[in-house]
Amino acid sequence: MDINHPYRRLAGLALAAVAVLGVTAGCSGDDAPAAGAAAAAAGGPEPKTIDGAKAAAQTVFDRFSGGDFAGAWELYTAAGKQAISKDDYVKLNQACSRKGLAIQLTSARMDGTDKAVVIAKQLVAAQSYTMVYEGDAWKLEPAPEGLKLYKMGAAKAIAAQKKAGTCANN
């Protein structure tokens, strides 16, 4: 077997990858994101960082675009959940949202210690969203317009969106 044999190339690549990972992990000096992610996965507090806010925001966007509206509602602030029940939120979004179109986080910034502003894009439209650190986790804070719509309840909110031409499933 020579050096170009597929097994030797694979073994060489694997050793190089392990060496690079060992060097970068040992030299990074920033174990907080890994520790924060591990704590969040274990049911502990989410990291109170821009990376934590971005990860939570992308989870909300993934659930929403994937049609898991109940799961997206779970990641709303207390004020958002008070404005609309989970059942009404699901009904409204099943009737009017654009399911299946990915929402991509494009940028983010901290706004104080307990808030982050994230910019997300769906198709060609970009929009800002506010993430609030509430109860040891990042939560999506609905915009004032959204809260106003949610307080109508599902039936009236669907009718209002259809009337305004903003219901995607008209």
C-alpha atoms as a PDB file:
ATOM      1  CA  MET A   1       0.000   0.000   0.000  1.00  0.00           C
ATOM      2  CA  ASP A   2       1.336   3.429  -0.867  1.00  0.00           C
ATOM      3  CA  ILE A   3       0.595   6.833   0.710  1.00  0.00           C
ATOM      4  CA  ASN A   4      -2.189   7.487  -1.810  1.00  0.00           C
ATOM      5  CA  HIS A   5      -4.201   4.442  -0.814  1.00  0.00           C
ATOM      6  CA  PRO A   6      -7.704   5.562   0.298  1.00  0.00           C
ATOM      7  CA  TYR A   7      -7.328   4.105   3.810  1.00  0.00           C
ATOM      8  CA  ARG A   8      -4.038   5.885   4.432  1.00  0.00           C
ATOM      9  CA  ARG A   9      -5.419   9.184   3.108  1.00  0.00           C
ATOM     10  CA  LEU A  10      -8.488   8.830   5.353  1.00  0.00           C
ATOM     11  CA  ALA A  11      -6.360   7.996   8.386  1.00  0.00           C
ATOM     12  CA  GLY A  12      -4.079  10.974   7.675  1.00  0.00           C
ATOM     13  CA  LEU A  13      -7.040  13.322   7.336  1.00  0.00           C
ATOM     14  CA  ALA A  14      -8.587  12.023  10.556  1.00  0.00           C
ATOM     15  CA  LEU A  15      -5.336  12.528  12.488  1.00  0.00           C
ATOM     16  CA  ALA A  16      -4.937  16.029  11.070  1.00  0.00           C
ATOM     17  CA  ALA A  17      -8.511  16.914  12.034  1.00  0.00           C
ATOM     18  CA  VAL A  18      -8.009  15.638  15.590  1.00  0.00           C
ATOM     19  CA  ALA A  19      -4.769  17.622  15.885  1.00  0.00           C
ATOM     20  CA  VAL A  20      -6.384  20.833  14.623  1.00  0.00           C
ATOM     21  CA  LEU A  21      -9.381  20.439  16.922  1.00  0.00           C
ATOM     22  CA  GLY A  22      -7.131  19.767  19.891  1.00  0.00           C
ATOM     23  CA  VAL A  23      -5.007  22.842  19.215  1.00  0.00           C
ATOM     24  CA  THR A  24      -7.932  25.199  18.579  1.00  0.00           C
ATOM     25  CA  ALA A  25      -9.910  23.943  21.575  1.00  0.00           C
ATOM     26  CA  GLY A  26      -6.913  24.236  23.858  1.00  0.00           C
ATOM     27  CA  CYS A  27      -5.982  27.723  22.667  1.00  0.00           C
ATOM     28  CA  SER A  28      -9.354  29.362  22.332  1.00  0.00           C
ATOM     29  CA  GLY A  29      -9.596  30.440  25.959  1.00  0.00           C
ATOM     30  CA  ASP A  30     -13.387  30.768  25.570  1.00  0.00           C
ATOM     31  CA  ASP A  31     -15.153  27.797  27.062  1.00  0.00           C
ATOM     32  CA  ALA A  32     -18.280  29.835  27.932  1.00  0.00           C
ATOM     33  CA  PRO A  33     -20.272  29.078  24.750  1.00  0.00           C
ATOM     34  CA  ALA A  34     -19.641  25.343  25.047  1.00  0.00           C
ATOM     35  CA  ALA A  35     -20.418  25.396  28.756  1.00  0.00           C
ATOM     36  CA  GLY A  36     -23.537  27.500  28.144  1.00  0.00           C
ATOM     37  CA  ALA A  37     -24.765  25.185  25.405  1.00  0.00           C
ATOM     38  CA  ALA A  38     -24.184  22.173  27.638  1.00  0.00           C
ATOM     39  CA  ALA A  39     -26.048  23.859  30.519  1.00  0.00           C
ATOM     40  CA  ALA A  40     -28.969  24.743  28.246  1.00  0.00           C
ATOM     41  CA  ALA A  41     -29.105  21.199  26.881  1.00  0.00           C
ATOM     42  CA  ALA A  42     -29.135  19.867  30.439  1.00  0.00           C
ATOM     43  CA  GLY A  43     -32.048  22.124  31.347  1.00  0.00           C
ATOM     44  CA  GLY A  44     -29.923  24.890  32.860  1.00  0.00           C
ATOM     45  CA  PRO A  45     -29.925  28.548  31.919  1.00  0.00           C
ATOM     46  CA  GLU A  46     -29.188  29.528  28.319  1.00  0.00           C
ATOM     47  CA  PRO A  47     -26.069  31.619  27.796  1.00  0.00           C
ATOM     48  CA  LYS A  48     -26.804  35.326  28.203  1.00  0.00           C
ATOM     49  CA  THR A  49     -24.741  36.188  25.124  1.00  0.00           C
ATOM     50  CA  ILE A  50     -25.323  37.276  21.545  1.00  0.00           C
ATOM     51  CA  ASP A  51     -24.592  33.696  20.462  1.00  0.00           C
ATOM     52  CA  GLY A  52     -27.257  32.422  22.858  1.00  0.00           C
ATOM     53  CA  ALA A  53     -29.775  34.956  21.510  1.00  0.00           C
ATOM     54  CA  LYS A  54     -28.936  34.052  17.903  1.00  0.00           C
ATOM     55  CA  ALA A  55     -29.301  30.332  18.563  1.00  0.00           C
ATOM     56  CA  ALA A  56     -32.678  30.839  20.252  1.00  0.00           C
ATOM     57  CA  ALA A  57     -33.880  33.132  17.456  1.00  0.00           C
ATOM     58  CA  GLN A  58     -32.868  30.640  14.775  1.00  0.00           C
ATOM     59  CA  THR A  59     -34.736  27.906  16.676  1.00  0.00           C
ATOM     60  CA  VAL A  60     -37.899  30.058  16.658  1.00  0.00           C
ATOM     61  CA  PHE A  61     -37.475  30.760  12.927  1.00  0.00           C
ATOM     62  CA  ASP A  62     -36.838  27.089  12.139  1.00  0.00           C
ATOM     63  CA  ARG A  63     -39.910  25.959  14.066  1.00  0.00           C
ATOM     64  CA  PHE A  64     -42.072  28.614  12.449  1.00  0.00           C
ATOM     65  CA  SER A  65     -40.917  28.003   8.869  1.00  0.00           C
ATOM     66  CA  GLY A  66     -41.164  24.257   9.451  1.00  0.00           C
ATOM     67  CA  GLY A  67     -44.799  24.588  10.494  1.00  0.00           C
ATOM     68  CA  ASP A  68     -44.205  23.810  14.197  1.00  0.00           C
ATOM     69  CA  PHE A  69     -46.253  26.790  15.333  1.00  0.00           C
ATOM     70  CA  ALA A  70     -46.945  25.334  18.780  1.00  0.00           C
ATOM     71  CA  GLY A  71     -43.192  24.946  19.259  1.00  0.00           C
ATOM     72  CA  ALA A  72     -42.563  28.519  18.082  1.00  0.00           C
ATOM     73  CA  TRP A  73     -45.229  29.833  20.503  1.00  0.00           C
ATOM     74  CA  GLU A  74     -43.380  28.088  23.348  1.00  0.00           C
ATOM     75  CA  LEU A  75     -40.407  30.368  22.678  1.00  0.00           C
ATOM     76  CA  TYR A  76     -42.425  33.603  23.006  1.00  0.00           C
ATOM     77  CA  THR A  77     -42.115  36.004  25.926  1.00  0.00           C
ATOM     78  CA  ALA A  78     -44.719  35.884  28.683  1.00  0.00           C
ATOM     79  CA  ALA A  79     -46.373  38.968  27.139  1.00  0.00           C
ATOM     80  CA  GLY A  80     -46.591  37.207  23.775  1.00  0.00           C
ATOM     81  CA  LYS A  81     -48.155  34.119  25.335  1.00  0.00           C
ATOM     82  CA  GLN A  82     -50.647  36.274  27.254  1.00  0.00           C
ATOM     83  CA  ALA A  83     -51.713  38.003  24.039  1.00  0.00           C
ATOM     84  CA  ILE A  84     -52.724  34.781  22.250  1.00  0.00           C
ATOM     85  CA  SER A  85     -53.342  31.212  23.328  1.00  0.00           C
ATOM     86  CA  LYS A  86     -51.243  28.456  21.817  1.00  0.00           C
ATOM     87  CA  ASP A  87     -54.316  27.050  20.022  1.00  0.00           C
ATOM     88  CA  ASP A  88     -55.218  30.430  18.485  1.00  0.00           C
ATOM     89  CA  TYR A  89     -51.596  31.046  17.478  1.00  0.00           C
ATOM     90  CA  VAL A  90     -51.503  27.680  15.704  1.00  0.00           C
ATOM     91  CA  LYS A  91     -54.861  28.331  13.961  1.00  0.00           C
ATOM     92  CA  LEU A  92     -53.795  31.791  12.820  1.00  0.00           C
ATOM     93  CA  ASN A  93     -50.504  30.604  11.410  1.00  0.00           C
ATOM     94  CA  GLN A  94     -51.926  27.482   9.791  1.00  0.00           C
ATOM     95  CA  ALA A  95     -54.360  29.759   7.974  1.00  0.00           C
ATOM     96  CA  CYS A  96     -52.085  32.633   7.045  1.00  0.00           C
ATOM     97  CA  SER A  97     -48.358  31.967   7.329  1.00  0.00           C
ATOM     98  CA  ARG A  98     -45.846  31.070   4.641  1.00  0.00           C
ATOM     99  CA  LYS A  99     -44.879  27.541   5.649  1.00  0.00           C
ATOM    100  CA  GLY A 100     -41.821  25.896   4.230  1.00  0.00           C
ATOM    101  CA  LEU A 101     -39.855  29.040   3.385  1.00  0.00           C
ATOM    102  CA  ALA A 102     -36.670  29.155   5.411  1.00  0.00           C
ATOM    103  CA  ILE A 103     -36.048  32.156   7.631  1.00  0.00           C
ATOM    104  CA  GLN A 104     -32.353  32.936   7.885  1.00  0.00           C
ATOM    105  CA  LEU A 105     -30.733  34.979  10.606  1.00  0.00           C
ATOM    106  CA  THR A 106     -28.542  37.584   8.900  1.00  0.00           C
ATOM    107  CA  SER A 107     -27.191  39.653  11.809  1.00  0.00           C
ATOM    108  CA  ALA A 108     -27.647  40.406  15.485  1.00  0.00           C
ATOM    109  CA  ARG A 109     -26.588  42.849  18.159  1.00  0.00           C
ATOM    110  CA  MET A 110     -27.015  43.174  21.900  1.00  0.00           C
ATOM    111  CA  ASP A 111     -29.275  45.967  23.144  1.00  0.00           C
ATOM    112  CA  GLY A 112     -28.301  46.106  26.809  1.00  0.00           C
ATOM    113  CA  THR A 113     -27.747  42.970  28.845  1.00  0.00           C
ATOM    114  CA  ASP A 114     -31.210  41.389  28.548  1.00  0.00           C
ATOM    115  CA  LYS A 115     -32.164  42.170  24.938  1.00  0.00           C
ATOM    116  CA  ALA A 116     -30.840  41.394  21.511  1.00  0.00           C
ATOM    117  CA  VAL A 117     -32.021  42.610  18.132  1.00  0.00           C
ATOM    118  CA  VAL A 118     -31.783  40.033  15.357  1.00  0.00           C
ATOM    119  CA  ILE A 119     -32.339  40.568  11.658  1.00  0.00           C
ATOM    120  CA  ALA A 120     -33.895  37.706   9.736  1.00  0.00           C
ATOM    121  CA  LYS A 121     -34.648  37.302   6.057  1.00  0.00           C
ATOM    122  CA  GLN A 122     -37.346  35.279   4.303  1.00  0.00           C
ATOM    123  CA  LEU A 123     -37.186  35.374   0.519  1.00  0.00           C
ATOM    124  CA  VAL A 124     -36.163  38.994  -0.157  1.00  0.00           C
ATOM    125  CA  ALA A 125     -37.764  40.626   2.885  1.00  0.00           C
ATOM    126  CA  ALA A 126     -35.721  41.343   6.007  1.00  0.00           C
ATOM    127  CA  GLN A 127     -37.177  42.185   9.394  1.00  0.00           C
ATOM    128  CA  SER A 128     -35.841  42.906  12.861  1.00  0.00           C
ATOM    129  CA  TYR A 129     -36.961  40.942  15.894  1.00  0.00           C
ATOM    130  CA  THR A 130     -36.302  41.455  19.584  1.00  0.00           C
ATOM    131  CA  MET A 131     -35.120  38.616  21.766  1.00  0.00           C
ATOM    132  CA  VAL A 132     -35.539  39.101  25.531  1.00  0.00           C
ATOM    133  CA  TYR A 133     -33.724  37.147  28.225  1.00  0.00           C
ATOM    134  CA  GLU A 134     -36.585  35.993  30.432  1.00  0.00           C
ATOM    135  CA  GLY A 135     -36.557  33.204  32.993  1.00  0.00           C
ATOM    136  CA  ASP A 136     -33.000  32.033  32.160  1.00  0.00           C
ATOM    137  CA  ALA A 137     -33.777  31.734  28.433  1.00  0.00           C
ATOM    138  CA  TRP A 138     -33.974  33.870  25.305  1.00  0.00           C
ATOM    139  CA  LYS A 139     -37.561  34.469  24.164  1.00  0.00           C
ATOM    140  CA  LEU A 140     -39.014  36.170  21.094  1.00  0.00           C
ATOM    141  CA  GLU A 141     -40.841  39.378  21.908  1.00  0.00           C
ATOM    142  CA  PRO A 142     -43.696  39.938  19.443  1.00  0.00           C
ATOM    143  CA  ALA A 143     -43.772  43.358  17.793  1.00  0.00           C
ATOM    144  CA  PRO A 144     -46.522  45.738  18.962  1.00  0.00           C
ATOM    145  CA  GLU A 145     -48.416  45.128  15.697  1.00  0.00           C
ATOM    146  CA  GLY A 146     -48.276  41.387  16.303  1.00  0.00           C
ATOM    147  CA  LEU A 147     -49.528  41.761  19.873  1.00  0.00           C
ATOM    148  CA  LYS A 148     -52.427  43.878  18.633  1.00  0.00           C
ATOM    149  CA  LEU A 149     -53.312  41.229  16.044  1.00  0.00           C
ATOM    150  CA  TYR A 150     -52.954  38.367  18.541  1.00  0.00           C
ATOM    151  CA  LYS A 151     -55.293  40.021  21.037  1.00  0.00           C
ATOM    152  CA  MET A 152     -58.097  39.742  18.444  1.00  0.00           C
ATOM    153  CA  GLY A 153     -58.117  35.949  18.693  1.00  0.00           C
ATOM    154  CA  ALA A 154     -57.615  33.572  15.779  1.00  0.00           C
ATOM    155  CA  ALA A 155     -60.887  34.096  13.861  1.00  0.00           C
ATOM    156  CA  LYS A 156     -60.744  37.897  13.900  1.00  0.00           C
ATOM    157  CA  ALA A 157     -57.000  37.959  13.242  1.00  0.00           C
ATOM    158  CA  ILE A 158     -57.385  35.670  10.216  1.00  0.00           C
ATOM    159  CA  ALA A 159     -60.219  37.866   8.890  1.00  0.00           C
ATOM    160  CA  ALA A 160     -58.142  41.010   9.453  1.00  0.00           C
ATOM    161  CA  GLN A 161     -55.149  39.540   7.635  1.00  0.00           C
ATOM    162  CA  LYS A 162     -57.301  38.376   4.719  1.00  0.00           C
ATOM    163  CA  LYS A 163     -58.888  41.831   4.492  1.00  0.00           C
ATOM    164  CA  ALA A 164     -55.446  43.486   4.540  1.00  0.00           C
ATOM    165  CA  GLY A 165     -54.105  41.028   1.945  1.00  0.00           C
ATOM    166  CA  THR A 166     -51.404  39.771   4.327  1.00  0.00           C
ATOM    167  CA  CYS A 167     -52.744  36.239   4.728  1.00  0.00           C
ATOM    168  CA  ALA A 168     -50.401  34.090   2.632  1.00  0.00           C
ATOM    169  CA  ASN A 169     -53.069  31.434   2.027  1.00  0.00           C
ATOM    170  CA  ASN A 170     -55.742  33.662   0.507  1.00  0.00           C
END
